[in-house]
C-alpha atoms as a PDB file:
ATOM      1  CA  MET A   1      59.476 119.763  67.025  1.00  0.00           C
ATOM      2  CA  THR A   2      58.453 123.355  67.991  1.00  0.00           C
ATOM      3  CA  ARG A   3      60.384 126.208  69.169  1.00  0.00           C
ATOM      4  CA  PHE A   4      58.811 126.048  72.486  1.00  0.00           C
ATOM      5  CA  VAL A   5      59.662 122.398  72.999  1.00  0.00           C
ATOM      6  CA  VAL A   6      63.544 122.900  71.875  1.00  0.00           C
ATOM      7  CA  TRP A   7      63.644 125.835  74.436  1.00  0.00           C
ATOM      8  CA  VAL A   8      62.195 123.781  77.277  1.00  0.00           C
ATOM      9  CA  LEU A   9      64.750 120.715  76.365  1.00  0.00           C
ATOM     10  CA  LEU A  10      67.722 123.369  76.101  1.00  0.00           C
ATOM     11  CA  SER A  11      66.671 124.834  79.421  1.00  0.00           C
ATOM     12  CA  ALA A  12      66.461 121.552  81.299  1.00  0.00           C
ATOM     13  CA  LEU A  13      69.811 120.456  79.865  1.00  0.00           C
ATOM     14  CA  GLY A  14      71.196 123.688  80.976  1.00  0.00           C
ATOM     15  CA  ALA A  15      69.972 123.520  84.403  1.00  0.00           C
ATOM     16  CA  ALA A  16      71.258 119.963  84.705  1.00  0.00           C
ATOM     17  CA  ALA A  17      74.670 121.023  83.739  1.00  0.00           C
ATOM     18  CA  ILE A  18      74.669 123.646  86.118  1.00  0.00           C
ATOM     19  CA  GLY A  19      73.597 121.192  88.839  1.00  0.00           C
ATOM     20  CA  TRP A  20      76.285 118.631  87.730  1.00  0.00           C
ATOM     21  CA  ALA A  21      79.010 121.457  87.924  1.00  0.00           C
ATOM     22  CA  GLY A  22      77.823 122.382  91.487  1.00  0.00           C
ATOM     23  CA  GLU A  23      78.167 118.884  92.471  1.00  0.00           C
ATOM     24  CA  ALA A  24      81.740 118.615  91.466  1.00  0.00           C
ATOM     25  CA  PRO A  25      84.236 118.466  94.049  1.00  0.00           C
ATOM     26  CA  ALA A  26      86.081 121.794  94.620  1.00  0.00           C
ATOM     27  CA  LEU A  27      90.016 121.111  94.618  1.00  0.00           C
ATOM     28  CA  ARG A  28      90.852 124.304  95.989  1.00  0.00           C
ATOM     29  CA  ALA A  29      92.283 123.847  99.444  1.00  0.00           C
ATOM     30  CA  PRO A  30      90.451 125.517 102.246  1.00  0.00           C
ATOM     31  CA  TRP A  31      92.531 126.068 105.245  1.00  0.00           C
ATOM     32  CA  GLU A  32      90.092 124.890 107.975  1.00  0.00           C
ATOM     33  CA  MET A  33      90.378 125.363 111.405  1.00  0.00           C
ATOM     34  CA  PRO A  34      90.468 123.106 113.326  1.00  0.00           C
ATOM     35  CA  PRO A  35      92.240 121.175 110.655  1.00  0.00           C
ATOM     36  CA  ARG A  36      90.801 117.782 109.113  1.00  0.00           C
ATOM     37  CA  CYS A  37      93.161 115.571 107.578  1.00  0.00           C
ATOM     38  CA  THR A  38      92.493 112.651 105.218  1.00  0.00           C
ATOM     39  CA  PRO A  39      96.001 111.408 104.243  1.00  0.00           C
ATOM     40  CA  PHE A  40      95.020 108.383 102.253  1.00  0.00           C
ATOM     41  CA  ALA A  41      91.743 109.615 100.563  1.00  0.00           C
ATOM     42  CA  PRO A  42      91.443 108.537  96.823  1.00  0.00           C
ATOM     43  CA  VAL A  43      93.222 110.295  94.477  1.00  0.00           C
ATOM     44  CA  ARG A  44      91.160 112.992  92.560  1.00  0.00           C
ATOM     45  CA  ILE A  45      93.424 113.867  89.627  1.00  0.00           C
ATOM     46  CA  GLN A  46      96.065 111.193  88.409  1.00  0.00           C
ATOM     47  CA  ASP A  47      98.364 114.023  87.427  1.00  0.00           C
ATOM     48  CA  LEU A  48      99.742 115.094  90.784  1.00  0.00           C
ATOM     49  CA  LYS A  49     101.250 118.256  89.495  1.00  0.00           C
ATOM     50  CA  GLU A  50      97.618 119.177  88.172  1.00  0.00           C
ATOM     51  CA  GLU A  51      95.878 118.070  91.294  1.00  0.00           C
ATOM     52  CA  LEU A  52      98.408 120.228  93.306  1.00  0.00           C
ATOM     53  CA  ARG A  53      97.947 123.298  90.908  1.00  0.00           C
ATOM     54  CA  GLN A  54      94.008 122.978  91.489  1.00  0.00           C
ATOM     55  CA  THR A  55      94.425 122.884  95.170  1.00  0.00           C
ATOM     56  CA  GLY A  56      96.178 126.297  95.137  1.00  0.00           C
ATOM     57  CA  TYR A  57      98.510 125.443  97.807  1.00  0.00           C
ATOM     58  CA  ARG A  58     101.921 127.123  98.143  1.00  0.00           C
ATOM     59  CA  LEU A  59     104.968 126.715 100.193  1.00  0.00           C
ATOM     60  CA  VAL A  60     107.664 128.725 101.601  1.00  0.00           C
ATOM     61  CA  ILE A  61     111.075 127.367 101.007  1.00  0.00           C
ATOM     62  CA  ALA A  62     114.827 128.005 101.698  1.00  0.00           C
ATOM     63  CA  ILE A  63     117.006 127.029  98.796  1.00  0.00           C
ATOM     64  CA  HIS A  64     120.425 128.030  97.258  1.00  0.00           C
ATOM     65  CA  PRO A  65     122.194 127.260  93.757  1.00  0.00           C
ATOM     66  CA  ASP A  66     124.081 124.115  93.671  1.00  0.00           C
ATOM     67  CA  LYS A  67     127.386 125.425  94.342  1.00  0.00           C
ATOM     68  CA  ARG A  68     129.236 123.185  96.736  1.00  0.00           C
ATOM     69  CA  GLY A  69     132.225 124.001  98.950  1.00  0.00           C
ATOM     70  CA  ALA A  70     135.516 122.265  99.585  1.00  0.00           C
ATOM     71  CA  LYS A  71     134.051 120.492 102.720  1.00  0.00           C
ATOM     72  CA  GLU A  72     131.239 118.159 102.989  1.00  0.00           C
ATOM     73  CA  GLY A  73     128.095 120.012 103.772  1.00  0.00           C
ATOM     74  CA  GLU A  74     129.482 123.284 102.808  1.00  0.00           C
ATOM     75  CA  TYR A  75     127.014 125.312 100.740  1.00  0.00           C
ATOM     76  CA  PRO A  76     126.226 128.845  99.918  1.00  0.00           C
ATOM     77  CA  PRO A  77     123.739 130.598 102.060  1.00  0.00           C
ATOM     78  CA  ARG A  78     119.831 129.939 101.390  1.00  0.00           C
ATOM     79  CA  ASP A  79     117.406 132.504 100.699  1.00  0.00           C
ATOM     80  CA  LEU A  80     113.577 132.199 101.332  1.00  0.00           C
ATOM     81  CA  TYR A  81     111.258 131.786  98.364  1.00  0.00           C
ATOM     82  CA  LEU A  82     107.471 131.344  97.643  1.00  0.00           C
ATOM     83  CA  ILE A  83     106.687 128.629  95.180  1.00  0.00           C
ATOM     84  CA  ASN A  84     103.211 126.981  94.100  1.00  0.00           C
ATOM     85  CA  ALA A  85     102.781 123.413  95.009  1.00  0.00           C
ATOM     86  CA  ASP A  86     102.805 122.460  91.456  1.00  0.00           C
ATOM     87  CA  GLY A  87     106.353 124.003  91.228  1.00  0.00           C
ATOM     88  CA  THR A  88     105.401 127.170  89.538  1.00  0.00           C
ATOM     89  CA  GLY A  89     105.684 130.745  90.461  1.00  0.00           C
ATOM     90  CA  LEU A  90     109.004 130.855  92.171  1.00  0.00           C
ATOM     91  CA  LYS A  91     109.389 134.276  93.972  1.00  0.00           C
ATOM     92  CA  GLN A  92     112.324 135.472  96.194  1.00  0.00           C
ATOM     93  CA  LEU A  93     111.431 136.907  99.359  1.00  0.00           C
ATOM     94  CA  THR A  94     114.902 137.412 100.878  1.00  0.00           C
ATOM     95  CA  ASN A  95     118.303 138.427  99.490  1.00  0.00           C
ATOM     96  CA  THR A  96     121.154 138.000 102.216  1.00  0.00           C
ATOM     97  CA  PRO A  97     124.483 136.837 100.528  1.00  0.00           C
ATOM     98  CA  ASP A  98     126.066 136.752 103.909  1.00  0.00           C
ATOM     99  CA  LYS A  99     123.354 135.142 105.927  1.00  0.00           C
ATOM    100  CA  ASP A 100     121.583 131.647 105.697  1.00  0.00           C
ATOM    101  CA  GLU A 101     117.800 131.918 105.711  1.00  0.00           C
ATOM    102  CA  ASN A 102     116.136 128.697 106.604  1.00  0.00           C
ATOM    103  CA  THR A 103     113.495 126.283 108.138  1.00  0.00           C
ATOM    104  CA  PRO A 104     110.377 128.199 107.565  1.00  0.00           C
ATOM    105  CA  ARG A 105     107.651 127.135 109.633  1.00  0.00           C
ATOM    106  CA  THR A 106     103.961 127.893 109.334  1.00  0.00           C
ATOM    107  CA  SER A 107     101.577 129.119 111.937  1.00  0.00           C
ATOM    108  CA  PRO A 108      98.422 126.675 112.335  1.00  0.00           C
ATOM    109  CA  ASN A 109      96.082 129.214 111.060  1.00  0.00           C
ATOM    110  CA  GLY A 110      98.411 129.780 107.946  1.00  0.00           C
ATOM    111  CA  LYS A 111      98.852 133.812 108.577  1.00  0.00           C
ATOM    112  CA  LEU A 112     102.231 133.781 109.699  1.00  0.00           C
ATOM    113  CA  PHE A 113     105.525 131.881 109.489  1.00  0.00           C
ATOM    114  CA  THR A 114     108.847 131.867 111.019  1.00  0.00           C
ATOM    115  CA  HIS A 115     112.203 131.138 109.802  1.00  0.00           C
ATOM    116  CA  ASN A 116     115.520 130.460 111.080  1.00  0.00           C
ATOM    117  CA  TYR A 117     113.993 128.208 113.919  1.00  0.00           C
ATOM    118  CA  GLY A 118     111.720 130.997 115.219  1.00  0.00           C
ATOM    119  CA  ASP A 119     114.273 133.832 115.090  1.00  0.00           C
ATOM    120  CA  PHE A 120     112.057 135.834 112.473  1.00  0.00           C
ATOM    121  CA  LEU A 121     108.476 136.329 112.089  1.00  0.00           C
ATOM    122  CA  VAL A 122     106.709 137.092 108.740  1.00  0.00           C
ATOM    123  CA  ASP A 123     103.361 137.896 108.075  1.00  0.00           C
ATOM    124  CA  ALA A 124     102.157 135.563 105.201  1.00  0.00           C
ATOM    125  CA  LYS A 125     100.007 138.218 103.353  1.00  0.00           C
ATOM    126  CA  THR A 126     102.082 141.165 103.323  1.00  0.00           C
ATOM    127  CA  LEU A 127     105.449 139.379 103.979  1.00  0.00           C
ATOM    128  CA  LYS A 128     106.480 142.067 106.521  1.00  0.00           C
ATOM    129  CA  THR A 129     109.057 140.643 108.665  1.00  0.00           C
ATOM    130  CA  ARG A 130     110.472 141.399 112.142  1.00  0.00           C
ATOM    131  CA  GLN A 131     112.733 139.764 114.571  1.00  0.00           C
ATOM    132  CA  LEU A 132     110.833 137.392 116.927  1.00  0.00           C
ATOM    133  CA  ASP A 133     113.681 135.211 119.026  1.00  0.00           C
ATOM    134  CA  GLY A 134     110.762 132.586 119.502  1.00  0.00           C
ATOM    135  CA  GLY A 135     110.820 128.739 119.385  1.00  0.00           C
ATOM    136  CA  TYR A 136     110.734 126.671 116.176  1.00  0.00           C
ATOM    137  CA  VAL A 137     107.114 125.117 117.219  1.00  0.00           C
ATOM    138  CA  TRP A 138     103.836 126.736 117.243  1.00  0.00           C
ATOM    139  CA  THR A 139     101.088 126.678 119.814  1.00  0.00           C
ATOM    140  CA  PRO A 140      97.636 125.611 118.247  1.00  0.00           C
ATOM    141  CA  ASP A 141      96.271 129.263 118.606  1.00  0.00           C
ATOM    142  CA  SER A 142      99.026 130.796 116.610  1.00  0.00           C
ATOM    143  CA  GLN A 143      99.480 133.163 119.245  1.00  0.00           C
ATOM    144  CA  ARG A 144     102.703 131.627 120.674  1.00  0.00           C
ATOM    145  CA  THR A 145     105.726 129.832 119.776  1.00  0.00           C
ATOM    146  CA  THR A 146     107.311 127.002 122.128  1.00  0.00           C
ATOM    147  CA  GLU A 147     110.832 125.332 123.000  1.00  0.00           C
ATOM    148  CA  CYS A 148     112.427 123.510 125.517  1.00  0.00           C
ATOM    149  CA  GLY A 149     115.231 125.253 127.335  1.00  0.00           C
ATOM    150  CA  LYS A 150     117.526 124.197 130.375  1.00  0.00           C
ATOM    151  CA  ARG A 151     114.681 124.995 132.773  1.00  0.00           C
ATOM    152  CA  GLY A 152     111.949 123.245 130.867  1.00  0.00           C
ATOM    153  CA  ILE A 153     109.337 124.152 128.258  1.00  0.00           C
ATOM    154  CA  VAL A 154     108.406 127.714 127.727  1.00  0.00           C
ATOM    155  CA  THR A 155     106.215 129.631 125.440  1.00  0.00           C
ATOM    156  CA  ILE A 156     106.788 133.066 123.527  1.00  0.00           C
ATOM    157  CA  ASP A 157     103.893 135.507 122.730  1.00  0.00           C
ATOM    158  CA  VAL A 158     104.580 136.444 119.212  1.00  0.00           C
ATOM    159  CA  LYS A 159     102.812 139.833 119.645  1.00  0.00           C
ATOM    160  CA  THR A 160     104.673 140.882 123.048  1.00  0.00           C
ATOM    161  CA  GLY A 161     107.779 138.429 123.156  1.00  0.00           C
ATOM    162  CA  LYS A 162     106.909 137.745 126.763  1.00  0.00           C
ATOM    163  CA  ARG A 163     108.091 134.305 128.053  1.00  0.00           C
ATOM    164  CA  SER A 164     106.185 132.045 130.194  1.00  0.00           C
ATOM    165  CA  GLU A 165     107.342 130.420 133.378  1.00  0.00           C
ATOM    166  CA  PRO A 166     109.048 127.271 132.500  1.00  0.00           C
ATOM    167  CA  ILE A 167     107.426 123.708 132.751  1.00  0.00           C
ATOM    168  CA  PRO A 168     109.696 121.465 134.212  1.00  0.00           C
ATOM    169  CA  VAL A 169     110.571 118.128 132.352  1.00  0.00           C
ATOM    170  CA  PRO A 170     112.313 114.955 132.932  1.00  0.00           C
ATOM    171  CA  ARG A 171     115.141 116.096 130.701  1.00  0.00           C
ATOM    172  CA  ARG A 172     115.886 118.679 128.007  1.00  0.00           C
ATOM    173  CA  VAL A 173     114.748 117.541 124.581  1.00  0.00           C
ATOM    174  CA  SER A 174     114.558 119.246 121.068  1.00  0.00           C
ATOM    175  CA  ILE A 175     110.704 119.322 120.489  1.00  0.00           C
ATOM    176  CA  THR A 176     109.881 119.453 116.951  1.00  0.00           C
ATOM    177  CA  ASP A 177     106.080 119.556 117.037  1.00  0.00           C
ATOM    178  CA  LEU A 178     102.937 119.879 119.431  1.00  0.00           C
ATOM    179  CA  SER A 179      99.786 118.194 118.713  1.00  0.00           C
ATOM    180  CA  ALA A 180      96.590 120.265 117.380  1.00  0.00           C
ATOM    181  CA  ASP A 181      94.761 119.901 120.737  1.00  0.00           C
ATOM    182  CA  GLY A 182      97.999 121.378 122.558  1.00  0.00           C
ATOM    183  CA  GLN A 183      98.236 118.242 124.669  1.00  0.00           C
ATOM    184  CA  TRP A 184     101.379 116.288 123.449  1.00  0.00           C
ATOM    185  CA  PHE A 185     105.014 117.289 122.155  1.00  0.00           C
ATOM    186  CA  ILE A 186     106.836 114.814 120.007  1.00  0.00           C
ATOM    187  CA  PHE A 187     110.642 114.833 119.207  1.00  0.00           C
ATOM    188  CA  GLU A 188     113.353 112.420 118.992  1.00  0.00           C
ATOM    189  CA  ILE A 189     116.098 111.221 121.596  1.00  0.00           C
ATOM    190  CA  ARG A 190     119.526 109.819 120.874  1.00  0.00           C
ATOM    191  CA  ASP A 191     120.921 106.835 123.121  1.00  0.00           C
ATOM    192  CA  TYR A 192     117.613 106.454 125.321  1.00  0.00           C
ATOM    193  CA  LEU A 193     115.916 103.484 126.745  1.00  0.00           C
ATOM    194  CA  GLY A 194     118.362 101.063 125.130  1.00  0.00           C
ATOM    195  CA  SER A 195     118.195 102.548 121.389  1.00  0.00           C
ATOM    196  CA  ARG A 196     120.383 104.856 119.783  1.00  0.00           C
ATOM    197  CA  TYR A 197     117.440 106.681 118.116  1.00  0.00           C
ATOM    198  CA  THR A 198     114.049 106.878 119.478  1.00  0.00           C
ATOM    199  CA  ILE A 199     110.731 108.818 118.666  1.00  0.00           C
ATOM    200  CA  ASP A 200     109.113 109.981 121.783  1.00  0.00           C
ATOM    201  CA  PHE A 201     106.335 112.132 123.056  1.00  0.00           C
ATOM    202  CA  MET A 202     105.287 113.640 126.255  1.00  0.00           C
ATOM    203  CA  PRO A 203     102.455 115.750 127.741  1.00  0.00           C
ATOM    204  CA  ALA A 204     102.476 119.446 127.129  1.00  0.00           C
ATOM    205  CA  ALA A 205     101.866 120.162 130.737  1.00  0.00           C
ATOM    206  CA  GLY A 206     105.095 118.068 131.709  1.00  0.00           C
ATOM    207  CA  GLY A 207     105.120 114.452 132.609  1.00  0.00           C
ATOM    208  CA  ASP A 208     106.813 111.180 131.784  1.00  0.00           C
ATOM    209  CA  ILE A 209     108.552 110.680 128.341  1.00  0.00           C
ATOM    210  CA  ARG A 210     106.963 108.101 126.314  1.00  0.00           C
ATOM    211  CA  LYS A 211     108.697 106.072 123.445  1.00  0.00           C
ATOM    212  CA  LEU A 212     107.054 105.142 120.176  1.00  0.00           C
ATOM    213  CA  PRO A 213     107.916 101.950 118.512  1.00  0.00           C
ATOM    214  CA  ASN A 214     110.914 101.763 116.187  1.00  0.00           C
ATOM    215  CA  HIS A 215     110.110 101.148 112.516  1.00  0.00           C
ATOM    216  CA  PRO A 216     109.961  97.242 112.008  1.00  0.00           C
ATOM    217  CA  ALA A 217     112.458  97.242 109.355  1.00  0.00           C
ATOM    218  CA  ARG A 218     115.131  98.386 112.009  1.00  0.00           C
ATOM    219  CA  GLN A 219     113.827  95.764 114.748  1.00  0.00           C
ATOM    220  CA  GLY A 220     117.173  94.201 116.459  1.00  0.00           C
ATOM    221  CA  LYS A 221     119.158  96.585 114.329  1.00  0.00           C
ATOM    222  CA  ASP A 222     120.685 100.079 114.791  1.00  0.00           C
ATOM    223  CA  PRO A 223     117.497 102.310 114.035  1.00  0.00           C
ATOM    224  CA  MET A 224     119.483 104.606 111.873  1.00  0.00           C
ATOM    225  CA  GLY A 225     117.354 107.828 110.580  1.00  0.00           C
ATOM    226  CA  GLU A 226     114.588 107.322 113.249  1.00  0.00           C
ATOM    227  CA  CYS A 227     114.355 111.126 113.461  1.00  0.00           C
ATOM    228  CA  HIS A 228     112.490 114.529 112.465  1.00  0.00           C
ATOM    229  CA  PRO A 229     108.997 113.481 113.727  1.00  0.00           C
ATOM    230  CA  ALA A 230     106.067 115.681 112.861  1.00  0.00           C
ATOM    231  CA  PHE A 231     102.382 115.717 113.548  1.00  0.00           C
ATOM    232  CA  ALA A 232      99.622 116.069 110.743  1.00  0.00           C
ATOM    233  CA  PRO A 233      97.820 119.237 111.144  1.00  0.00           C
ATOM    234  CA  ASP A 234      94.962 117.545 112.962  1.00  0.00           C
ATOM    235  CA  GLY A 235      97.248 116.055 115.386  1.00  0.00           C
ATOM    236  CA  LYS A 236      96.176 112.351 114.516  1.00  0.00           C
ATOM    237  CA  TRP A 237      99.021 111.237 112.324  1.00  0.00           C
ATOM    238  CA  THR A 238     102.610 111.557 112.407  1.00  0.00           C
ATOM    239  CA  CYS A 239     105.495 110.952 109.860  1.00  0.00           C
ATOM    240  CA  TRP A 240     109.225 110.484 110.620  1.00  0.00           C
ATOM    241  CA  ASN A 241     112.194 109.552 109.050  1.00  0.00           C
ATOM    242  CA  ALA A 242     112.157 105.693 109.322  1.00  0.00           C
ATOM    243  CA  GLY A 243     112.980 102.252 107.692  1.00  0.00           C
ATOM    244  CA  GLY A 244     115.475 103.943 105.390  1.00  0.00           C
ATOM    245  CA  GLY A 245     112.712 106.296 104.254  1.00  0.00           C
ATOM    246  CA  LEU A 246     109.591 108.016 105.594  1.00  0.00           C
ATOM    247  CA  GLY A 247     107.021 106.368 107.797  1.00  0.00           C
ATOM    248  CA  VAL A 248     103.583 107.462 108.556  1.00  0.00           C
ATOM    249  CA  ARG A 249     101.292 106.200 111.220  1.00  0.00           C
ATOM    250  CA  LYS A 250      98.331 107.074 113.556  1.00  0.00           C
ATOM    251  CA  PHE A 251      99.053 108.749 116.735  1.00  0.00           C
ATOM    252  CA  GLU A 252      96.892 107.457 119.731  1.00  0.00           C
ATOM    253  CA  PRO A 253      98.239 108.539 123.035  1.00  0.00           C
ATOM    254  CA  SER A 254      95.534 106.533 124.786  1.00  0.00           C
ATOM    255  CA  ARG A 255      97.246 103.282 123.558  1.00  0.00           C
ATOM    256  CA  PRO A 256      99.916 101.946 125.691  1.00  0.00           C
ATOM    257  CA  GLU A 257     102.585 102.430 122.760  1.00  0.00           C
ATOM    258  CA  GLY A 258     100.916 105.673 121.289  1.00  0.00           C
ATOM    259  CA  THR A 259      99.863 104.176 118.028  1.00  0.00           C
ATOM    260  CA  ASP A 260      98.016 101.100 116.530  1.00  0.00           C
ATOM    261  CA  GLY A 261     101.125  99.735 115.112  1.00  0.00           C
ATOM    262  CA  GLU A 262     100.199 100.122 111.547  1.00  0.00           C
ATOM    263  CA  ILE A 263     102.897 101.919 109.432  1.00  0.00           C
ATOM    264  CA  VAL A 264     102.962 103.293 105.873  1.00  0.00           C
ATOM    265  CA  THR A 265     106.421 103.213 104.553  1.00  0.00           C
ATOM    266  CA  PHE A 266     107.774 105.310 101.568  1.00  0.00           C
ATOM    267  CA  PRO A 267     110.871 104.015 100.900  1.00  0.00           C
ATOM    268  CA  GLY A 268     114.239 105.590 100.240  1.00  0.00           C
ATOM    269  CA  ASP A 269     114.350 105.016  96.558  1.00  0.00           C
ATOM    270  CA  LEU A 270     111.331 107.235  96.426  1.00  0.00           C
ATOM    271  CA  VAL A 271     111.745 109.737  99.034  1.00  0.00           C
ATOM    272  CA  GLY A 272     115.431 109.657 100.012  1.00  0.00           C
ATOM    273  CA  GLN A 273     117.211 108.686 103.129  1.00  0.00           C
ATOM    274  CA  ASP A 274     116.250 111.596 105.233  1.00  0.00           C
ATOM    275  CA  PRO A 275     113.191 113.215 103.890  1.00  0.00           C
ATOM    276  CA  CYS A 276     112.034 115.088 106.912  1.00  0.00           C
ATOM    277  CA  GLY A 277     108.487 115.401 106.178  1.00  0.00           C
ATOM    278  CA  ARG A 278     106.094 118.475 106.399  1.00  0.00           C
ATOM    279  CA  TRP A 279     102.416 117.755 106.145  1.00  0.00           C
ATOM    280  CA  SER A 280      99.910 119.925 103.912  1.00  0.00           C
ATOM    281  CA  HIS A 281      97.059 121.220 105.914  1.00  0.00           C
ATOM    282  CA  CYS A 282      94.672 118.610 104.299  1.00  0.00           C
ATOM    283  CA  GLY A 283      96.992 115.610 105.202  1.00  0.00           C
ATOM    284  CA  ARG A 284      96.831 114.389 101.651  1.00  0.00           C
ATOM    285  CA  TYR A 285     100.563 115.498 100.730  1.00  0.00           C
ATOM    286  CA  ILE A 286     103.868 115.553 102.404  1.00  0.00           C
ATOM    287  CA  ALA A 287     106.706 117.864 101.481  1.00  0.00           C
ATOM    288  CA  VAL A 288     110.156 116.240 101.807  1.00  0.00           C
ATOM    289  CA  VAL A 289     113.716 116.637 100.729  1.00  0.00           C
ATOM    290  CA  LYS A 290     115.020 114.007  98.586  1.00  0.00           C
ATOM    291  CA  ILE A 291     118.521 113.183  99.875  1.00  0.00           C
ATOM    292  CA  PRO A 292     120.239 110.202  98.057  1.00  0.00           C
ATOM    293  CA  SER A 293     119.885 106.970  99.684  1.00  0.00           C
ATOM    294  CA  ALA A 294     123.566 106.428  99.228  1.00  0.00           C
ATOM    295  CA  GLY A 295     125.934 108.701 100.929  1.00  0.00           C
ATOM    296  CA  SER A 296     126.006 111.220 103.455  1.00  0.00           C
ATOM    297  CA  TRP A 297     122.468 112.745 104.892  1.00  0.00           C
ATOM    298  CA  LYS A 298     124.499 116.249 104.910  1.00  0.00           C
ATOM    299  CA  VAL A 299     123.884 116.530 101.076  1.00  0.00           C
ATOM    300  CA  HIS A 300     121.514 119.272 100.020  1.00  0.00           C
ATOM    301  CA  SER A 301     119.140 118.013  97.630  1.00  0.00           C
ATOM    302  CA  PRO A 302     115.777 119.124  95.679  1.00  0.00           C
ATOM    303  CA  ILE A 303     112.557 119.530  97.360  1.00  0.00           C
ATOM    304  CA  CYS A 304     109.694 117.138  96.399  1.00  0.00           C
ATOM    305  CA  ILE A 305     105.877 116.627  97.286  1.00  0.00           C
ATOM    306  CA  VAL A 306     104.570 113.198  97.676  1.00  0.00           C
ATOM    307  CA  ARG A 307     100.901 112.168  97.545  1.00  0.00           C
ATOM    308  CA  LEU A 308     100.178 109.600 100.153  1.00  0.00           C
ATOM    309  CA  ALA A 309      97.400 107.775  98.493  1.00  0.00           C
ATOM    310  CA  ASP A 310      99.434 106.297  95.706  1.00  0.00           C
ATOM    311  CA  LYS A 311     102.965 107.411  96.394  1.00  0.00           C
ATOM    312  CA  ALA A 312     103.105 109.644  93.388  1.00  0.00           C
ATOM    313  CA  MET A 313     105.872 112.365  93.747  1.00  0.00           C
ATOM    314  CA  ILE A 314     106.863 115.560  92.024  1.00  0.00           C
ATOM    315  CA  THR A 315     109.866 117.806  92.287  1.00  0.00           C
ATOM    316  CA  ILE A 316     109.230 121.533  92.824  1.00  0.00           C
ATOM    317  CA  THR A 317     112.549 123.278  93.265  1.00  0.00           C
ATOM    318  CA  PRO A 318     113.987 124.381  89.810  1.00  0.00           C
ATOM    319  CA  PRO A 319     116.678 122.378  88.489  1.00  0.00           C
ATOM    320  CA  GLY A 320     120.136 123.150  90.016  1.00  0.00           C
ATOM    321  CA  TRP A 321     118.644 124.526  93.320  1.00  0.00           C
ATOM    322  CA  LEU A 322     118.697 122.658  96.656  1.00  0.00           C
ATOM    323  CA  GLY A 323     117.657 122.772 100.023  1.00  0.00           C
ATOM    324  CA  HIS A 324     117.785 120.585 103.263  1.00  0.00           C
ATOM    325  CA  HIS A 325     116.101 119.300 106.434  1.00  0.00           C
ATOM    326  CA  TRP A 326     112.616 121.171 106.833  1.00  0.00           C
ATOM    327  CA  ASP A 327     113.586 123.765 104.631  1.00  0.00           C
ATOM    328  CA  TYR A 328     109.918 123.939 103.517  1.00  0.00           C
ATOM    329  CA  ASP A 329     106.434 124.467 104.724  1.00  0.00           C
ATOM    330  CA  TRP A 330     103.014 125.032 103.515  1.00  0.00           C
ATOM    331  CA  LEU A 331     101.138 128.065 102.891  1.00  0.00           C
ATOM    332  CA  PRO A 332      97.291 128.666 102.065  1.00  0.00           C
ATOM    333  CA  PRO A 333      96.172 129.390  98.634  1.00  0.00           C
ATOM    334  CA  ASP A 334      96.761 133.068  97.441  1.00  0.00           C
ATOM    335  CA  GLU A 335      93.356 134.867  97.880  1.00  0.00           C
ATOM    336  CA  GLU A 336      94.129 137.143  94.995  1.00  0.00           C
ATOM    337  CA  SER A 337      94.564 134.430  92.644  1.00  0.00           C
ATOM    338  CA  ARG A 338      90.841 133.296  92.779  1.00  0.00           C
END
């Protein structure tokens, strides 16, 4: 075989290899706007930790050492940390021994997050923090937060702090999320429409409250734990504490019941009794707090990530460190780590 033929063959193989590499799916997670969620898309890497590492996702979490007080639910103050979705790279953000930092919530565009239910605003890139006194829930444009007060629903501009005129609602509710199209609030109500717990939704512009079906495991029973609903970033799916674990279903407000009735359940022995899910931007993963199924929901516990496609799960908090309800939310990949 001549040198020329060998050179041609090697060149062809090199070109083919480049082509194959270019066709391989990139796992690094884009923070697309508007979001596009594929909750049950096929597993890409069997090892969940490695798959999460390759996505580049990070989370902001609120945790504390496992030191319990004399009373149930008594713990030391939490601080905020950044952590990679595979559980590496823990970085402390706050150090406030006399103040509890909790419940971070990322803006839809991934550029900001709040904590302490909207009291403080943080730039996700510079980590510069200032007081906001806003709401827990973000609007889809990432320009405002929103909450339901005594006079109705108001939005708060994150730049100016200006509050809108209230939108009257049938009753005061603790809204937990707003759909990506800005049309629907979701929340829980207790002792409503003949049920001790209900997951409900209503138009963001005000209007009638509508009840989503209780989890079938609780039909005819006290639906304990039907709470903490959250929309997927695209607004087409919801998760909530249900059936002794985590329920996931489509959100279709055009249907009479607001959903098609199909539910995927992640049982309590996997995700705990009160997991309080927060969706990744792509919808493939949900962050939860794994509170033991037996005992009180007040127990602070490890923070974990579950993959919806196969129910694989990893713990991301270091051993001996704990968080609680919604003490976690997702952040885009760090651009400097590319």
